[in-house]
N, C-alpha and C. Protein backbone atom coordinates (compact mmCIF):
# COMPACT_ATOMS: atom_id res chain seq x y z
N MET A 1 5.44 16.09 14.88
CA MET A 1 5.63 14.68 14.65
C MET A 1 6.58 14.17 15.73
N SER A 2 6.19 13.02 16.40
CA SER A 2 7.01 12.47 17.33
C SER A 2 7.65 11.14 16.77
N PHE A 3 8.79 10.86 17.14
CA PHE A 3 9.37 9.68 16.63
C PHE A 3 9.82 8.79 17.80
N LYS A 4 9.83 7.53 17.51
CA LYS A 4 10.25 6.45 18.58
C LYS A 4 11.51 5.82 18.08
N HIS A 5 12.39 5.50 19.03
CA HIS A 5 13.67 4.87 18.63
C HIS A 5 13.51 3.35 18.77
N VAL A 6 13.87 2.70 17.68
CA VAL A 6 13.84 1.19 17.64
C VAL A 6 15.21 0.79 17.22
N GLN A 7 15.72 -0.24 18.00
CA GLN A 7 16.97 -0.75 17.64
C GLN A 7 16.84 -2.18 17.06
N VAL A 8 17.60 -2.41 15.98
CA VAL A 8 17.55 -3.65 15.30
C VAL A 8 19.02 -4.22 15.26
N LYS A 9 19.09 -5.52 15.11
CA LYS A 9 20.42 -6.06 14.95
C LYS A 9 20.42 -7.04 13.73
N PRO A 10 20.57 -6.41 12.55
CA PRO A 10 20.59 -7.37 11.34
C PRO A 10 21.94 -8.06 11.21
N GLU A 11 21.88 -9.18 10.57
CA GLU A 11 23.06 -9.92 10.40
C GLU A 11 23.84 -9.20 9.29
N ASP A 12 25.07 -9.66 9.20
CA ASP A 12 26.01 -8.96 8.27
C ASP A 12 25.42 -8.81 6.75
N HIS A 13 24.86 -9.94 6.36
CA HIS A 13 24.33 -9.91 4.92
C HIS A 13 23.16 -9.04 4.73
N GLU A 14 22.31 -9.01 5.87
CA GLU A 14 21.12 -8.20 5.88
C GLU A 14 21.65 -6.62 5.91
N TYR A 15 22.50 -6.28 6.66
CA TYR A 15 22.94 -4.98 6.78
C TYR A 15 23.66 -4.52 5.45
N SER A 16 24.49 -5.47 4.89
CA SER A 16 25.09 -5.12 3.57
C SER A 16 24.05 -4.84 2.52
N GLY A 17 23.00 -5.70 2.36
CA GLY A 17 21.92 -5.54 1.40
C GLY A 17 21.22 -4.26 1.69
N LEU A 18 20.85 -3.96 2.95
CA LEU A 18 20.26 -2.73 3.29
C LEU A 18 20.96 -1.48 2.78
N LYS A 19 22.31 -1.48 3.20
CA LYS A 19 23.15 -0.44 2.83
C LYS A 19 23.24 -0.18 1.34
N LYS A 20 23.37 -1.36 0.48
CA LYS A 20 23.50 -1.24 -0.83
C LYS A 20 22.21 -0.73 -1.53
N VAL A 21 21.05 -1.17 -1.17
CA VAL A 21 19.79 -0.64 -1.63
C VAL A 21 19.59 0.79 -1.30
N ALA A 22 19.88 1.11 -0.10
CA ALA A 22 19.70 2.57 0.40
C ALA A 22 20.59 3.46 -0.47
N TYR A 23 21.77 3.00 -0.76
CA TYR A 23 22.73 3.85 -1.55
C TYR A 23 22.19 4.00 -2.96
N GLU A 24 21.72 2.85 -3.56
CA GLU A 24 21.16 2.89 -4.84
C GLU A 24 19.90 3.78 -5.06
N GLU A 25 19.09 3.81 -3.89
CA GLU A 25 17.90 4.52 -3.99
C GLU A 25 18.12 6.02 -3.43
N HIS A 26 19.39 6.35 -3.07
CA HIS A 26 19.84 7.70 -2.61
C HIS A 26 18.98 8.01 -1.32
N LEU A 27 18.99 7.02 -0.40
CA LEU A 27 18.34 7.13 0.88
C LEU A 27 19.37 6.99 2.04
N THR A 28 19.08 7.61 3.14
CA THR A 28 19.93 7.26 4.26
C THR A 28 19.43 5.92 4.82
N LEU A 29 20.26 5.32 5.64
CA LEU A 29 19.85 4.02 6.27
C LEU A 29 18.58 4.12 7.04
N MET A 30 18.51 5.29 7.68
CA MET A 30 17.28 5.53 8.58
C MET A 30 16.00 5.60 7.70
N ASP A 31 16.12 6.37 6.57
CA ASP A 31 14.96 6.50 5.68
C ASP A 31 14.68 5.06 4.98
N ALA A 32 15.70 4.29 4.64
CA ALA A 32 15.44 3.02 4.02
C ALA A 32 14.78 2.15 5.01
N VAL A 33 15.18 2.10 6.24
CA VAL A 33 14.53 1.22 7.24
C VAL A 33 13.14 1.71 7.50
N ARG A 34 12.88 2.97 7.61
CA ARG A 34 11.48 3.56 7.74
C ARG A 34 10.63 3.11 6.64
N GLU A 35 11.20 3.19 5.39
CA GLU A 35 10.46 2.78 4.17
C GLU A 35 10.11 1.31 4.25
N ALA A 36 11.07 0.46 4.68
CA ALA A 36 10.87 -0.99 4.73
C ALA A 36 9.80 -1.31 5.79
N VAL A 37 9.80 -0.66 6.92
CA VAL A 37 8.89 -0.80 8.06
C VAL A 37 7.40 -0.47 7.51
N LEU A 38 7.31 0.71 6.87
CA LEU A 38 5.95 1.07 6.29
C LEU A 38 5.45 0.04 5.31
N PHE A 39 6.34 -0.48 4.39
CA PHE A 39 6.00 -1.44 3.39
C PHE A 39 5.53 -2.65 4.19
N TRP A 40 6.23 -3.12 5.14
CA TRP A 40 5.86 -4.31 5.88
C TRP A 40 4.59 -4.22 6.63
N VAL A 41 4.43 -3.13 7.29
CA VAL A 41 3.09 -2.78 8.03
C VAL A 41 1.96 -2.80 7.01
N LYS A 42 2.11 -2.13 5.89
CA LYS A 42 1.00 -2.01 4.94
C LYS A 42 0.76 -3.45 4.40
N SER A 43 1.70 -4.26 4.07
CA SER A 43 1.45 -5.58 3.52
C SER A 43 0.84 -6.54 4.45
N LYS A 44 1.04 -6.34 5.83
CA LYS A 44 0.44 -7.14 6.83
C LYS A 44 -0.81 -6.70 7.48
N SER A 45 -1.23 -5.43 7.03
CA SER A 45 -2.44 -4.84 7.77
C SER A 45 -3.75 -5.23 6.93
N GLY A 46 -3.57 -5.96 5.85
CA GLY A 46 -4.82 -6.19 5.08
C GLY A 46 -5.13 -5.17 4.02
N LEU A 47 -6.34 -4.66 4.04
CA LEU A 47 -6.72 -3.71 2.96
C LEU A 47 -5.90 -2.45 2.92
N ASP A 48 -5.68 -2.10 1.71
CA ASP A 48 -4.96 -0.88 1.43
C ASP A 48 -5.92 0.18 0.98
N LYS A 49 -6.25 1.17 1.79
CA LYS A 49 -7.23 2.20 1.50
C LYS A 49 -6.76 3.02 0.29
N ASP A 50 -5.61 3.00 -0.12
CA ASP A 50 -5.09 3.79 -1.28
C ASP A 50 -5.12 2.95 -2.53
N ASP A 51 -5.53 1.80 -2.48
CA ASP A 51 -5.62 0.92 -3.61
C ASP A 51 -6.58 1.49 -4.63
N PRO A 52 -6.17 1.58 -5.92
CA PRO A 52 -7.04 2.24 -6.91
C PRO A 52 -8.46 1.56 -7.01
N PHE A 53 -8.53 0.23 -6.62
CA PHE A 53 -9.72 -0.47 -6.71
C PHE A 53 -10.82 0.27 -5.87
N PHE A 54 -10.36 0.90 -4.67
CA PHE A 54 -11.39 1.48 -3.79
C PHE A 54 -11.75 2.88 -4.36
N LYS A 55 -11.09 3.34 -5.44
CA LYS A 55 -11.38 4.70 -5.97
C LYS A 55 -12.31 4.58 -7.15
N THR A 56 -12.83 3.38 -7.46
CA THR A 56 -13.74 3.24 -8.67
C THR A 56 -15.23 3.72 -8.40
N SER A 57 -15.60 3.86 -7.17
CA SER A 57 -16.98 4.38 -6.82
C SER A 57 -17.29 5.64 -7.54
N GLY A 58 -18.38 5.58 -8.22
CA GLY A 58 -18.81 6.84 -8.95
C GLY A 58 -18.25 6.95 -10.40
N MET A 59 -17.43 6.02 -10.83
CA MET A 59 -16.86 6.09 -12.13
C MET A 59 -17.82 5.87 -13.19
N PHE A 60 -18.85 5.01 -12.92
CA PHE A 60 -19.86 4.57 -13.83
C PHE A 60 -21.25 5.02 -13.43
N SER A 61 -22.07 5.35 -14.25
CA SER A 61 -23.40 5.72 -14.01
C SER A 61 -24.43 5.33 -15.04
N THR A 62 -25.65 5.25 -14.69
CA THR A 62 -26.73 4.85 -15.48
C THR A 62 -27.89 5.75 -15.29
N ASP A 63 -28.81 5.82 -16.28
CA ASP A 63 -30.03 6.56 -16.08
C ASP A 63 -31.06 5.79 -15.22
N GLU A 64 -30.88 4.55 -15.12
CA GLU A 64 -31.90 3.76 -14.34
C GLU A 64 -31.11 2.98 -13.23
N GLN A 65 -31.84 2.59 -12.20
CA GLN A 65 -31.30 1.91 -11.12
C GLN A 65 -31.22 0.44 -11.54
N GLN A 66 -30.09 0.06 -11.99
CA GLN A 66 -29.98 -1.27 -12.54
C GLN A 66 -30.25 -2.35 -11.52
N SER A 67 -29.75 -2.12 -10.27
CA SER A 67 -29.88 -3.14 -9.32
C SER A 67 -31.39 -3.33 -8.98
N GLU A 68 -32.26 -2.30 -9.09
CA GLU A 68 -33.62 -2.45 -8.83
C GLU A 68 -34.45 -2.87 -10.05
N ASN A 69 -34.00 -2.63 -11.18
CA ASN A 69 -34.77 -2.91 -12.44
C ASN A 69 -34.01 -3.86 -13.34
N HIS A 70 -33.07 -4.69 -12.74
CA HIS A 70 -32.23 -5.57 -13.51
C HIS A 70 -33.10 -6.43 -14.62
N ASP A 71 -34.10 -7.05 -14.05
CA ASP A 71 -34.90 -7.96 -15.01
C ASP A 71 -35.52 -7.22 -16.08
N ARG A 72 -36.09 -6.07 -15.78
CA ARG A 72 -36.77 -5.30 -16.86
C ARG A 72 -35.77 -4.71 -17.77
N ILE A 73 -34.57 -4.24 -17.37
CA ILE A 73 -33.56 -3.63 -18.29
C ILE A 73 -33.01 -4.71 -19.14
N TYR A 74 -32.68 -5.84 -18.64
CA TYR A 74 -32.06 -6.91 -19.39
C TYR A 74 -33.00 -7.96 -19.91
N GLU A 75 -34.30 -7.78 -19.67
CA GLU A 75 -35.33 -8.75 -20.25
C GLU A 75 -35.09 -10.10 -19.79
N VAL A 76 -34.77 -10.32 -18.52
CA VAL A 76 -34.52 -11.69 -18.05
C VAL A 76 -35.82 -12.35 -17.68
């Protein structure tokens, strides 16, 4: 795994908040920043492939092809 070095210059209150949350979560500052970056990227990138919604495929089944026989099945 290769890493890239990124330098940030947080304001005092941002740094204090980061340090406090990292401490409370038992994280190093580096790990807290990495987690924050991953969260930000995920929230800005659109669809989340790990969202449980995308894992519903195959959860339900039927004996008949409902999409093809909808009117007959539901007597519409």
